[in-house]
Amino acid sequence: MESAFDPHATSGANAAGIWQIIPSTGRNYGLKQTRNYDARRDVVASTTAALDMMQRLNKMFDGDWLLTVAAYNSGEGRVLKAMKANKARGKSTDFWSLSLPQETKIYVPKMLALSDILKNSKRYGVQLPTPDESRALARVRLSNPVDIQQVADMTGMSVSKLKTFNAGVKGSTLGASGPQYVMVPQKHAEQLRESLASGEIAAVQSTLIADASSVNSRSYKVRSGDTLSGIASRLGVNAKDLQQWNNLRSSGLKVGQTLTVGAGSSAQRLASNSDSITYRVRKGDSLSSIAKRHGVNIKDVMRWNNDTDNLKPGDQLTLFVKNSATPDS
């Protein structure tokens, strides 16, 4: 009603999504709200929460749907207070008799009118849209977070278009803190599944994790093939400092080991606010085009990776992409 089915709609009271859910209500119904994902805008998650809310409210108001809808709009506390006031005065406690906000007084009749039009569209001369199977969306499972730009490129869509199907996503990574799936047009689903399975679309390696106790240090999880000097070079810090921060007697590392990375150069500060992603070079790519697409400096790309002089399709690069950045679409 209020959102016009726009998942990006936001009210003055910070109610968001097609169901116009405020932050506190969203949290009460398990809708995650993080820097990278807002479940209130996720059509699937928010609809499930809204139905749960309606069911609870309807039970609270003994099956009275007018009171249920009024409570959904203005809050059950306000409706219960109005009912209590009427009861004390010996008045009826049905919706039409209650003293409620003007917005709610309009909202409920609008909902009734919409319901009647949908049920009796022919009588009102309203032609409802016919479902178009070619525009149907499919859910593709993600075993790991992936870069939204790579998925957009594979499906031939812009990032902004892909985000209309996955409105809860706020950052540049799919499956990071949100649902472990991505919604795409049905015609692209099978190809995307194959690309994910083959590794053509590389997983985002979330190896840099913010340390909540300090803004001056981060943690890095050692991966296969990593060396102390390589990690230090990639993060723009000194290898001896890295060894000292972690009380290492030698430069030997174990896969899965977590290293503390202290604040150092600008390159390290960039990494501390970033996700580490693995980018697979495609035909026609250049170092400058890759850097531009991901919003990073070409010199940093060269610093993070060893052999960048002769890039070939299939080569893999490590990039530190800002969490808040959205790649060019």
C-alpha atoms as a PDB file:
ATOM      1  CA  MET A   1       0.000   0.000   0.000  1.00  0.00           C
ATOM      2  CA  GLU A   2       2.462   2.673   1.166  1.00  0.00           C
ATOM      3  CA  SER A   3       5.455   1.325  -0.749  1.00  0.00           C
ATOM      4  CA  ALA A   4       3.721   0.687  -4.096  1.00  0.00           C
ATOM      5  CA  PHE A   5       5.620  -2.636  -4.027  1.00  0.00           C
ATOM      6  CA  ASP A   6       8.963  -0.820  -4.243  1.00  0.00           C
ATOM      7  CA  PRO A   7      11.493  -2.646  -2.018  1.00  0.00           C
ATOM      8  CA  HIS A   8      13.671   0.474  -1.970  1.00  0.00           C
ATOM      9  CA  ALA A   9      10.878   2.661  -0.547  1.00  0.00           C
ATOM     10  CA  THR A  10      11.672   4.373   2.763  1.00  0.00           C
ATOM     11  CA  SER A  11       9.292   6.451   4.876  1.00  0.00           C
ATOM     12  CA  GLY A  12      10.030   9.451   7.064  1.00  0.00           C
ATOM     13  CA  ALA A  13       9.905   7.111  10.073  1.00  0.00           C
ATOM     14  CA  ASN A  14      12.621   4.935   8.461  1.00  0.00           C
ATOM     15  CA  ALA A  15      10.159   2.161   7.592  1.00  0.00           C
ATOM     16  CA  ALA A  16      11.651   0.250   4.665  1.00  0.00           C
ATOM     17  CA  GLY A  17      10.773  -2.252   1.963  1.00  0.00           C
ATOM     18  CA  ILE A  18       7.483  -3.298   0.407  1.00  0.00           C
ATOM     19  CA  TRP A  19       6.045  -3.965   3.873  1.00  0.00           C
ATOM     20  CA  GLN A  20       7.343  -0.697   5.361  1.00  0.00           C
ATOM     21  CA  ILE A  21       8.893  -2.255   8.458  1.00  0.00           C
ATOM     22  CA  ILE A  22      10.661  -0.020  10.988  1.00  0.00           C
ATOM     23  CA  PRO A  23      14.113  -1.107  12.284  1.00  0.00           C
ATOM     24  CA  SER A  24      13.010  -2.229  15.768  1.00  0.00           C
ATOM     25  CA  THR A  25      10.082  -4.287  14.442  1.00  0.00           C
ATOM     26  CA  GLY A  26      12.368  -5.851  11.861  1.00  0.00           C
ATOM     27  CA  ARG A  27      14.811  -6.958  14.544  1.00  0.00           C
ATOM     28  CA  ASN A  28      11.958  -8.364  16.626  1.00  0.00           C
ATOM     29  CA  TYR A  29      11.007 -10.577  13.689  1.00  0.00           C
ATOM     30  CA  GLY A  30      14.541 -11.688  12.889  1.00  0.00           C
ATOM     31  CA  LEU A  31      15.219  -9.373   9.951  1.00  0.00           C
ATOM     32  CA  LYS A  32      18.973  -8.741   9.851  1.00  0.00           C
ATOM     33  CA  GLN A  33      20.103  -5.146   9.351  1.00  0.00           C
ATOM     34  CA  THR A  34      23.840  -4.803   8.776  1.00  0.00           C
ATOM     35  CA  ARG A  35      26.184  -2.580   6.814  1.00  0.00           C
ATOM     36  CA  ASN A  36      25.933  -4.901   3.804  1.00  0.00           C
ATOM     37  CA  TYR A  37      22.376  -6.219   4.031  1.00  0.00           C
ATOM     38  CA  ASP A  38      18.916  -5.038   5.097  1.00  0.00           C
ATOM     39  CA  ALA A  39      16.392  -7.882   5.257  1.00  0.00           C
ATOM     40  CA  ARG A  40      13.522  -5.382   5.444  1.00  0.00           C
ATOM     41  CA  ARG A  41      14.128  -4.728   1.742  1.00  0.00           C
ATOM     42  CA  ASP A  42      14.521  -8.420   0.899  1.00  0.00           C
ATOM     43  CA  VAL A  43      11.161  -9.323  -0.649  1.00  0.00           C
ATOM     44  CA  VAL A  44      11.252 -12.960   0.473  1.00  0.00           C
ATOM     45  CA  ALA A  45      12.522 -12.369   4.028  1.00  0.00           C
ATOM     46  CA  SER A  46      10.322  -9.324   4.691  1.00  0.00           C
ATOM     47  CA  THR A  47       7.186 -11.022   3.348  1.00  0.00           C
ATOM     48  CA  THR A  48       7.762 -13.997   5.643  1.00  0.00           C
ATOM     49  CA  ALA A  49       8.184 -11.620   8.596  1.00  0.00           C
ATOM     50  CA  ALA A  50       5.097  -9.584   7.636  1.00  0.00           C
ATOM     51  CA  LEU A  51       2.957 -12.731   7.449  1.00  0.00           C
ATOM     52  CA  ASP A  52       4.248 -13.860  10.851  1.00  0.00           C
ATOM     53  CA  MET A  53       3.404 -10.431  12.235  1.00  0.00           C
ATOM     54  CA  MET A  54      -0.108 -10.469  10.742  1.00  0.00           C
ATOM     55  CA  GLN A  55      -0.744 -13.946  12.118  1.00  0.00           C
ATOM     56  CA  ARG A  56       0.349 -12.913  15.616  1.00  0.00           C
ATOM     57  CA  LEU A  57      -1.717  -9.710  15.544  1.00  0.00           C
ATOM     58  CA  ASN A  58      -4.779 -11.508  14.209  1.00  0.00           C
ATOM     59  CA  LYS A  59      -4.574 -13.970  17.087  1.00  0.00           C
ATOM     60  CA  MET A  60      -4.156 -11.077  19.543  1.00  0.00           C
ATOM     61  CA  PHE A  61      -7.318  -9.383  18.232  1.00  0.00           C
ATOM     62  CA  ASP A  62      -9.393 -12.584  18.173  1.00  0.00           C
ATOM     63  CA  GLY A  63      -9.506 -12.931  14.396  1.00  0.00           C
ATOM     64  CA  ASP A  64     -10.680  -9.349  13.711  1.00  0.00           C
ATOM     65  CA  TRP A  65      -8.852  -8.417  10.505  1.00  0.00           C
ATOM     66  CA  LEU A  66      -9.722  -4.719  10.625  1.00  0.00           C
ATOM     67  CA  LEU A  67      -8.093  -4.396  14.038  1.00  0.00           C
ATOM     68  CA  THR A  68      -5.225  -6.572  12.793  1.00  0.00           C
ATOM     69  CA  VAL A  69      -4.509  -4.282   9.837  1.00  0.00           C
ATOM     70  CA  ALA A  70      -4.890  -1.198  12.044  1.00  0.00           C
ATOM     71  CA  ALA A  71      -2.376  -2.645  14.518  1.00  0.00           C
ATOM     72  CA  TYR A  72       0.016  -3.486  11.677  1.00  0.00           C
ATOM     73  CA  ASN A  73      -0.107   0.138  10.559  1.00  0.00           C
ATOM     74  CA  SER A  74      -0.027   2.005  13.866  1.00  0.00           C
ATOM     75  CA  GLY A  75       1.191  -0.607  16.352  1.00  0.00           C
ATOM     76  CA  GLU A  76      -0.772  -2.946  18.598  1.00  0.00           C
ATOM     77  CA  GLY A  77      -0.108  -0.786  21.659  1.00  0.00           C
ATOM     78  CA  ARG A  78      -1.943   2.152  20.164  1.00  0.00           C
ATOM     79  CA  VAL A  79      -4.926   0.026  19.112  1.00  0.00           C
ATOM     80  CA  LEU A  80      -5.131  -1.679  22.509  1.00  0.00           C
ATOM     81  CA  LYS A  81      -5.002   1.716  24.248  1.00  0.00           C
ATOM     82  CA  ALA A  82      -7.831   3.041  22.039  1.00  0.00           C
ATOM     83  CA  MET A  83      -9.914  -0.083  22.749  1.00  0.00           C
ATOM     84  CA  LYS A  84      -9.320   0.283  26.493  1.00  0.00           C
ATOM     85  CA  ALA A  85     -10.409   3.941  26.378  1.00  0.00           C
ATOM     86  CA  ASN A  86     -13.618   3.093  24.501  1.00  0.00           C
ATOM     87  CA  LYS A  87     -14.386   0.217  26.832  1.00  0.00           C
ATOM     88  CA  ALA A  88     -14.053   2.535  29.851  1.00  0.00           C
ATOM     89  CA  ARG A  89     -16.610   4.878  28.278  1.00  0.00           C
ATOM     90  CA  GLY A  90     -18.981   2.062  27.410  1.00  0.00           C
ATOM     91  CA  LYS A  91     -18.344   2.477  23.680  1.00  0.00           C
ATOM     92  CA  SER A  92     -17.856  -0.159  21.003  1.00  0.00           C
ATOM     93  CA  THR A  93     -14.317  -1.395  20.450  1.00  0.00           C
ATOM     94  CA  ASP A  94     -14.640  -2.192  16.736  1.00  0.00           C
ATOM     95  CA  PHE A  95     -12.261  -0.457  14.327  1.00  0.00           C
ATOM     96  CA  TRP A  96     -14.756   2.155  13.127  1.00  0.00           C
ATOM     97  CA  SER A  97     -15.417   3.354  16.683  1.00  0.00           C
ATOM     98  CA  LEU A  98     -11.805   3.783  17.799  1.00  0.00           C
ATOM     99  CA  SER A  99      -9.852   7.025  18.047  1.00  0.00           C
ATOM    100  CA  LEU A 100      -6.805   6.243  15.913  1.00  0.00           C
ATOM    101  CA  PRO A 101      -4.300   8.306  13.874  1.00  0.00           C
ATOM    102  CA  GLN A 102      -5.683   9.749  10.642  1.00  0.00           C
ATOM    103  CA  GLU A 103      -3.169   7.718   8.646  1.00  0.00           C
ATOM    104  CA  THR A 104      -4.571   4.476  10.093  1.00  0.00           C
ATOM    105  CA  LYS A 105      -8.163   5.603   9.569  1.00  0.00           C
ATOM    106  CA  ILE A 106      -7.338   5.946   5.859  1.00  0.00           C
ATOM    107  CA  TYR A 107      -5.044   2.916   5.621  1.00  0.00           C
ATOM    108  CA  VAL A 108      -7.630   0.293   6.617  1.00  0.00           C
ATOM    109  CA  PRO A 109     -10.376   1.447   4.173  1.00  0.00           C
ATOM    110  CA  LYS A 110      -7.743   1.585   1.421  1.00  0.00           C
ATOM    111  CA  MET A 111      -6.817  -2.014   2.176  1.00  0.00           C
ATOM    112  CA  LEU A 112     -10.485  -3.036   2.049  1.00  0.00           C
ATOM    113  CA  ALA A 113     -10.973  -1.219  -1.257  1.00  0.00           C
ATOM    114  CA  LEU A 114      -7.902  -2.838  -2.791  1.00  0.00           C
ATOM    115  CA  SER A 115      -9.052  -6.275  -1.653  1.00  0.00           C
ATOM    116  CA  ASP A 116     -12.489  -5.744  -3.198  1.00  0.00           C
ATOM    117  CA  ILE A 117     -11.017  -4.548  -6.499  1.00  0.00           C
ATOM    118  CA  LEU A 118      -8.760  -7.590  -6.714  1.00  0.00           C
ATOM    119  CA  LYS A 119     -11.659  -9.943  -5.965  1.00  0.00           C
ATOM    120  CA  ASN A 120     -14.064  -8.236  -8.378  1.00  0.00           C
ATOM    121  CA  SER A 121     -11.780  -6.748 -11.013  1.00  0.00           C
ATOM    122  CA  LYS A 122     -14.214  -7.365 -13.897  1.00  0.00           C
ATOM    123  CA  ARG A 123     -17.031  -5.569 -12.086  1.00  0.00           C
ATOM    124  CA  TYR A 124     -14.816  -2.511 -11.671  1.00  0.00           C
ATOM    125  CA  GLY A 125     -13.410  -2.696 -15.196  1.00  0.00           C
ATOM    126  CA  VAL A 126      -9.889  -3.282 -13.953  1.00  0.00           C
ATOM    127  CA  GLN A 127      -7.658  -5.526 -16.056  1.00  0.00           C
ATOM    128  CA  LEU A 128      -5.166  -7.281 -13.822  1.00  0.00           C
ATOM    129  CA  PRO A 129      -1.732  -8.073 -15.287  1.00  0.00           C
ATOM    130  CA  THR A 130      -1.270 -11.599 -16.613  1.00  0.00           C
ATOM    131  CA  PRO A 131       1.631 -13.531 -15.063  1.00  0.00           C
ATOM    132  CA  ASP A 132       4.552 -13.676 -17.497  1.00  0.00           C
ATOM    133  CA  GLU A 133       6.630 -16.826 -17.026  1.00  0.00           C
ATOM    134  CA  SER A 134       9.494 -15.316 -19.036  1.00  0.00           C
ATOM    135  CA  ARG A 135       9.943 -12.702 -16.298  1.00  0.00           C
ATOM    136  CA  ALA A 136       9.963 -15.231 -13.457  1.00  0.00           C
ATOM    137  CA  LEU A 137      12.890 -15.230 -11.048  1.00  0.00           C
ATOM    138  CA  ALA A 138      14.826 -18.252  -9.838  1.00  0.00           C
ATOM    139  CA  ARG A 139      16.755 -18.740  -6.613  1.00  0.00           C
ATOM    140  CA  VAL A 140      20.386 -19.812  -7.065  1.00  0.00           C
ATOM    141  CA  ARG A 141      22.141 -21.118  -3.960  1.00  0.00           C
ATOM    142  CA  LEU A 142      25.539 -19.702  -2.982  1.00  0.00           C
ATOM    143  CA  SER A 143      28.011 -21.882  -1.118  1.00  0.00           C
ATOM    144  CA  ASN A 144      30.275 -18.850  -0.633  1.00  0.00           C
ATOM    145  CA  PRO A 145      29.945 -15.061  -0.937  1.00  0.00           C
ATOM    146  CA  VAL A 146      30.497 -13.788  -4.496  1.00  0.00           C
ATOM    147  CA  ASP A 147      31.186 -10.421  -6.096  1.00  0.00           C
ATOM    148  CA  ILE A 148      27.949  -8.888  -7.409  1.00  0.00           C
ATOM    149  CA  GLN A 149      29.781  -7.411 -10.432  1.00  0.00           C
ATOM    150  CA  GLN A 150      30.837 -10.875 -11.629  1.00  0.00           C
ATOM    151  CA  VAL A 151      27.268 -12.188 -11.362  1.00  0.00           C
ATOM    152  CA  ALA A 152      25.981  -9.117 -13.204  1.00  0.00           C
ATOM    153  CA  ASP A 153      28.557  -9.570 -15.978  1.00  0.00           C
ATOM    154  CA  MET A 154      27.700 -13.247 -16.373  1.00  0.00           C
ATOM    155  CA  THR A 155      23.962 -12.562 -16.657  1.00  0.00           C
ATOM    156  CA  GLY A 156      24.368  -9.550 -18.918  1.00  0.00           C
ATOM    157  CA  MET A 157      22.735  -7.200 -16.416  1.00  0.00           C
ATOM    158  CA  SER A 158      23.919  -4.022 -14.753  1.00  0.00           C
ATOM    159  CA  VAL A 159      24.633  -4.155 -11.036  1.00  0.00           C
ATOM    160  CA  SER A 160      21.721  -1.793 -10.411  1.00  0.00           C
ATOM    161  CA  LYS A 161      19.338  -4.135 -12.270  1.00  0.00           C
ATOM    162  CA  LEU A 162      20.593  -7.172 -10.355  1.00  0.00           C
ATOM    163  CA  LYS A 163      20.074  -5.272  -7.107  1.00  0.00           C
ATOM    164  CA  THR A 164      16.406  -4.688  -7.973  1.00  0.00           C
ATOM    165  CA  PHE A 165      16.001  -8.478  -7.744  1.00  0.00           C
ATOM    166  CA  ASN A 166      18.112  -8.620  -4.556  1.00  0.00           C
ATOM    167  CA  ALA A 167      17.052  -5.390  -2.874  1.00  0.00           C
ATOM    168  CA  GLY A 168      18.380  -6.345   0.552  1.00  0.00           C
ATOM    169  CA  VAL A 169      21.982  -6.206  -0.675  1.00  0.00           C
ATOM    170  CA  LYS A 170      23.681  -2.906   0.196  1.00  0.00           C
ATOM    171  CA  GLY A 171      27.338  -3.622  -0.578  1.00  0.00           C
ATOM    172  CA  SER A 172      29.251  -5.228  -3.422  1.00  0.00           C
ATOM    173  CA  THR A 173      29.079  -8.822  -2.172  1.00  0.00           C
ATOM    174  CA  LEU A 174      26.241 -11.345  -2.438  1.00  0.00           C
ATOM    175  CA  GLY A 175      25.806 -13.882   0.360  1.00  0.00           C
ATOM    176  CA  ALA A 176      28.122 -12.077   2.789  1.00  0.00           C
ATOM    177  CA  SER A 177      25.777 -11.279   5.667  1.00  0.00           C
ATOM    178  CA  GLY A 178      22.489 -11.835   3.854  1.00  0.00           C
ATOM    179  CA  PRO A 179      20.796 -14.950   2.459  1.00  0.00           C
ATOM    180  CA  GLN A 180      22.932 -17.663   0.900  1.00  0.00           C
ATOM    181  CA  TYR A 181      21.281 -17.304  -2.498  1.00  0.00           C
ATOM    182  CA  VAL A 182      20.813 -14.811  -5.309  1.00  0.00           C
ATOM    183  CA  MET A 183      17.635 -14.101  -7.284  1.00  0.00           C
ATOM    184  CA  VAL A 184      18.110 -13.919 -11.071  1.00  0.00           C
ATOM    185  CA  PRO A 185      15.821 -14.214 -14.115  1.00  0.00           C
ATOM    186  CA  GLN A 186      14.927 -17.858 -14.732  1.00  0.00           C
ATOM    187  CA  LYS A 187      16.700 -17.884 -18.113  1.00  0.00           C
ATOM    188  CA  HIS A 188      20.071 -17.149 -16.447  1.00  0.00           C
ATOM    189  CA  ALA A 189      19.746 -19.523 -13.493  1.00  0.00           C
ATOM    190  CA  GLU A 190      21.287 -22.682 -14.950  1.00  0.00           C
ATOM    191  CA  GLN A 191      24.241 -20.865 -16.498  1.00  0.00           C
ATOM    192  CA  LEU A 192      24.923 -19.117 -13.192  1.00  0.00           C
ATOM    193  CA  ARG A 193      24.822 -22.429 -11.306  1.00  0.00           C
ATOM    194  CA  GLU A 194      27.354 -23.882 -13.761  1.00  0.00           C
ATOM    195  CA  SER A 195      29.631 -20.839 -13.454  1.00  0.00           C
ATOM    196  CA  LEU A 196      29.581 -21.089  -9.671  1.00  0.00           C
ATOM    197  CA  ALA A 197      30.258 -24.826  -9.732  1.00  0.00           C
ATOM    198  CA  SER A 198      33.161 -24.489 -12.190  1.00  0.00           C
ATOM    199  CA  GLY A 199      34.786 -21.630 -10.319  1.00  0.00           C
ATOM    200  CA  GLU A 200      34.327 -19.228 -13.230  1.00  0.00           C
ATOM    201  CA  ILE A 201      32.783 -16.883 -10.675  1.00  0.00           C
ATOM    202  CA  ALA A 202      35.261 -16.872  -7.814  1.00  0.00           C
ATOM    203  CA  ALA A 203      34.227 -16.776  -4.186  1.00  0.00           C
ATOM    204  CA  VAL A 204      34.909 -13.684  -2.110  1.00  0.00           C
ATOM    205  CA  GLN A 205      37.478 -14.574   0.501  1.00  0.00           C
ATOM    206  CA  SER A 206      36.381 -12.660   3.602  1.00  0.00           C
ATOM    207  CA  THR A 207      39.795 -12.927   5.209  1.00  0.00           C
ATOM    208  CA  LEU A 208      39.993  -9.468   6.705  1.00  0.00           C
ATOM    209  CA  ILE A 209      37.734  -9.312   9.743  1.00  0.00           C
ATOM    210  CA  ALA A 210      37.226  -6.167  11.793  1.00  0.00           C
ATOM    211  CA  ASP A 211      38.419  -6.438  15.369  1.00  0.00           C
ATOM    212  CA  ALA A 212      35.579  -4.888  17.385  1.00  0.00           C
ATOM    213  CA  SER A 213      37.887  -4.030  20.259  1.00  0.00           C
ATOM    214  CA  SER A 214      40.228  -1.873  18.207  1.00  0.00           C
ATOM    215  CA  VAL A 215      40.133   0.161  15.032  1.00  0.00           C
ATOM    216  CA  ASN A 216      43.921  -0.027  14.815  1.00  0.00           C
ATOM    217  CA  SER A 217      44.244  -3.757  14.176  1.00  0.00           C
ATOM    218  CA  ARG A 218      42.698  -6.340  11.886  1.00  0.00           C
ATOM    219  CA  SER A 219      42.967 -10.064  11.465  1.00  0.00           C
ATOM    220  CA  TYR A 220      44.049 -12.034   8.419  1.00  0.00           C
ATOM    221  CA  LYS A 221      43.408 -15.735   7.903  1.00  0.00           C
ATOM    222  CA  VAL A 222      46.292 -17.540   6.227  1.00  0.00           C
ATOM    223  CA  ARG A 223      45.442 -19.310   2.976  1.00  0.00           C
ATOM    224  CA  SER A 224      47.206 -21.996   0.993  1.00  0.00           C
ATOM    225  CA  GLY A 225      50.303 -20.575  -0.723  1.00  0.00           C
ATOM    226  CA  ASP A 226      50.602 -17.573   1.590  1.00  0.00           C
ATOM    227  CA  THR A 227      53.997 -16.504   2.918  1.00  0.00           C
ATOM    228  CA  LEU A 228      54.743 -13.956   5.604  1.00  0.00           C
ATOM    229  CA  SER A 229      56.485 -11.645   3.142  1.00  0.00           C
ATOM    230  CA  GLY A 230      53.698 -12.086   0.600  1.00  0.00           C
ATOM    231  CA  ILE A 231      50.992 -11.193   3.118  1.00  0.00           C
ATOM    232  CA  ALA A 232      53.002  -8.205   4.324  1.00  0.00           C
ATOM    233  CA  SER A 233      53.511  -6.962   0.758  1.00  0.00           C
ATOM    234  CA  ARG A 234      49.845  -7.464  -0.085  1.00  0.00           C
ATOM    235  CA  LEU A 235      48.719  -5.477   2.957  1.00  0.00           C
ATOM    236  CA  GLY A 236      51.370  -2.799   2.633  1.00  0.00           C
ATOM    237  CA  VAL A 237      53.106  -3.526   5.928  1.00  0.00           C
ATOM    238  CA  ASN A 238      56.591  -4.586   6.948  1.00  0.00           C
ATOM    239  CA  ALA A 239      57.189  -8.350   7.258  1.00  0.00           C
ATOM    240  CA  LYS A 240      59.178  -7.868  10.475  1.00  0.00           C
ATOM    241  CA  ASP A 241      56.323  -5.834  11.965  1.00  0.00           C
ATOM    242  CA  LEU A 242      53.857  -8.554  11.000  1.00  0.00           C
ATOM    243  CA  GLN A 243      56.093 -11.139  12.659  1.00  0.00           C
ATOM    244  CA  GLN A 244      56.384  -9.013  15.805  1.00  0.00           C
ATOM    245  CA  TRP A 245      52.633  -8.306  16.056  1.00  0.00           C
ATOM    246  CA  ASN A 246      52.011 -12.062  16.141  1.00  0.00           C
ATOM    247  CA  ASN A 247      54.984 -13.134  18.309  1.00  0.00           C
ATOM    248  CA  LEU A 248      56.275 -15.402  15.551  1.00  0.00           C
ATOM    249  CA  ARG A 249      59.697 -16.988  16.102  1.00  0.00           C
ATOM    250  CA  SER A 250      60.052 -17.779  12.420  1.00  0.00           C
ATOM    251  CA  SER A 251      58.406 -16.906   9.127  1.00  0.00           C
ATOM    252  CA  GLY A 252      56.648 -20.277   8.928  1.00  0.00           C
ATOM    253  CA  LEU A 253      52.838 -20.161   8.685  1.00  0.00           C
ATOM    254  CA  LYS A 254      49.993 -22.686   8.830  1.00  0.00           C
ATOM    255  CA  VAL A 255      46.908 -22.616   6.606  1.00  0.00           C
ATOM    256  CA  GLY A 256      43.970 -21.340   8.664  1.00  0.00           C
ATOM    257  CA  GLN A 257      46.222 -19.508  11.114  1.00  0.00           C
ATOM    258  CA  THR A 258      44.906 -16.047  12.079  1.00  0.00           C
ATOM    259  CA  LEU A 259      47.345 -13.145  12.042  1.00  0.00           C
ATOM    260  CA  THR A 260      46.864  -9.778  13.701  1.00  0.00           C
ATOM    261  CA  VAL A 261      47.644  -6.915  11.352  1.00  0.00           C
ATOM    262  CA  GLY A 262      48.427  -3.560  12.976  1.00  0.00           C
ATOM    263  CA  ALA A 263      47.603  -0.219  11.336  1.00  0.00           C
ATOM    264  CA  GLY A 264      50.344   0.870   8.970  1.00  0.00           C
ATOM    265  CA  SER A 265      50.441   2.345   5.511  1.00  0.00           C
ATOM    266  CA  SER A 266      47.550   3.688   3.463  1.00  0.00           C
ATOM    267  CA  ALA A 267      47.394   0.398   1.595  1.00  0.00           C
ATOM    268  CA  GLN A 268      46.865  -1.462   4.868  1.00  0.00           C
ATOM    269  CA  ARG A 269      44.230   1.039   6.017  1.00  0.00           C
ATOM    270  CA  LEU A 270      42.409   0.450   2.738  1.00  0.00           C
ATOM    271  CA  ALA A 271      42.556  -3.291   3.331  1.00  0.00           C
ATOM    272  CA  SER A 272      41.226  -2.923   6.874  1.00  0.00           C
ATOM    273  CA  ASN A 273      37.951  -1.536   5.509  1.00  0.00           C
ATOM    274  CA  SER A 274      37.708  -4.036   2.684  1.00  0.00           C
ATOM    275  CA  ASP A 275      36.737  -7.524   1.598  1.00  0.00           C
ATOM    276  CA  SER A 276      39.440  -9.628  -0.026  1.00  0.00           C
ATOM    277  CA  ILE A 277      38.084 -11.027  -3.285  1.00  0.00           C
ATOM    278  CA  THR A 278      39.602 -13.331  -5.857  1.00  0.00           C
ATOM    279  CA  TYR A 279      39.034 -11.997  -9.375  1.00  0.00           C
ATOM    280  CA  ARG A 280      39.386 -14.286 -12.412  1.00  0.00           C
ATOM    281  CA  VAL A 281      40.793 -12.407 -15.421  1.00  0.00           C
ATOM    282  CA  ARG A 282      38.528 -12.443 -18.482  1.00  0.00           C
ATOM    283  CA  LYS A 283      39.198 -11.882 -22.170  1.00  0.00           C
ATOM    284  CA  GLY A 284      39.693  -8.180 -22.904  1.00  0.00           C
ATOM    285  CA  ASP A 285      40.623  -7.322 -19.319  1.00  0.00           C
ATOM    286  CA  SER A 286      43.532  -5.030 -18.549  1.00  0.00           C
ATOM    287  CA  LEU A 287      45.041  -4.119 -15.219  1.00  0.00           C
ATOM    288  CA  SER A 288      43.608  -0.607 -15.498  1.00  0.00           C
ATOM    289  CA  SER A 289      40.096  -1.787 -16.449  1.00  0.00           C
ATOM    290  CA  ILE A 290      40.044  -4.265 -13.555  1.00  0.00           C
ATOM    291  CA  ALA A 291      41.209  -1.585 -11.115  1.00  0.00           C
ATOM    292  CA  LYS A 292      38.649   0.921 -12.413  1.00  0.00           C
ATOM    293  CA  ARG A 293      35.800  -1.608 -12.273  1.00  0.00           C
ATOM    294  CA  HIS A 294      36.501  -2.394  -8.626  1.00  0.00           C
ATOM    295  CA  GLY A 295      37.263   1.183  -7.570  1.00  0.00           C
ATOM    296  CA  VAL A 296      40.874   0.558  -6.565  1.00  0.00           C
ATOM    297  CA  ASN A 297      44.252   2.012  -7.535  1.00  0.00           C
ATOM    298  CA  ILE A 298      46.214   0.195 -10.227  1.00  0.00           C
ATOM    299  CA  LYS A 299      49.395   0.487  -8.131  1.00  0.00           C
ATOM    300  CA  ASP A 300      47.654  -1.242  -5.227  1.00  0.00           C
ATOM    301  CA  VAL A 301      46.574  -4.080  -7.542  1.00  0.00           C
ATOM    302  CA  MET A 302      50.222  -4.519  -8.562  1.00  0.00           C
ATOM    303  CA  ARG A 303      51.303  -4.444  -4.909  1.00  0.00           C
ATOM    304  CA  TRP A 304      48.707  -7.045  -3.874  1.00  0.00           C
ATOM    305  CA  ASN A 305      49.705  -9.461  -6.653  1.00  0.00           C
ATOM    306  CA  ASN A 306      53.098 -10.675  -7.802  1.00  0.00           C
ATOM    307  CA  ASP A 307      53.096 -11.226 -11.583  1.00  0.00           C
ATOM    308  CA  THR A 308      50.797  -8.643 -13.194  1.00  0.00           C
ATOM    309  CA  ASP A 309      52.886  -7.833 -16.278  1.00  0.00           C
ATOM    310  CA  ASN A 310      51.394 -10.512 -18.518  1.00  0.00           C
ATOM    311  CA  LEU A 311      47.771 -11.071 -17.551  1.00  0.00           C
ATOM    312  CA  LYS A 312      45.966 -13.917 -19.303  1.00  0.00           C
ATOM    313  CA  PRO A 313      42.304 -15.011 -19.195  1.00  0.00           C
ATOM    314  CA  GLY A 314      41.936 -17.382 -16.266  1.00  0.00           C
ATOM    315  CA  ASP A 315      44.620 -15.728 -14.113  1.00  0.00           C
ATOM    316  CA  GLN A 316      43.479 -14.926 -10.584  1.00  0.00           C
ATOM    317  CA  LEU A 317      44.077 -11.622  -8.812  1.00  0.00           C
ATOM    318  CA  THR A 318      43.562 -10.745  -5.165  1.00  0.00           C
ATOM    319  CA  LEU A 319      41.752  -7.414  -4.731  1.00  0.00           C
ATOM    320  CA  PHE A 320      40.757  -5.535  -1.619  1.00  0.00           C
ATOM    321  CA  VAL A 321      37.405  -3.930  -2.435  1.00  0.00           C
ATOM    322  CA  LYS A 322      35.830  -1.434  -0.049  1.00  0.00           C
ATOM    323  CA  ASN A 323      32.793  -2.927   1.704  1.00  0.00           C
ATOM    324  CA  SER A 324      30.667   0.140   1.018  1.00  0.00           C
ATOM    325  CA  ALA A 325      31.667   0.453  -2.633  1.00  0.00           C
ATOM    326  CA  THR A 326      29.443  -0.662  -5.462  1.00  0.00           C
ATOM    327  CA  PRO A 327      31.291  -1.582  -8.679  1.00  0.00           C
ATOM    328  CA  ASP A 328      30.446   0.394 -11.799  1.00  0.00           C
ATOM    329  CA  SER A 329      27.496  -1.076 -13.626  1.00  0.00           C
END
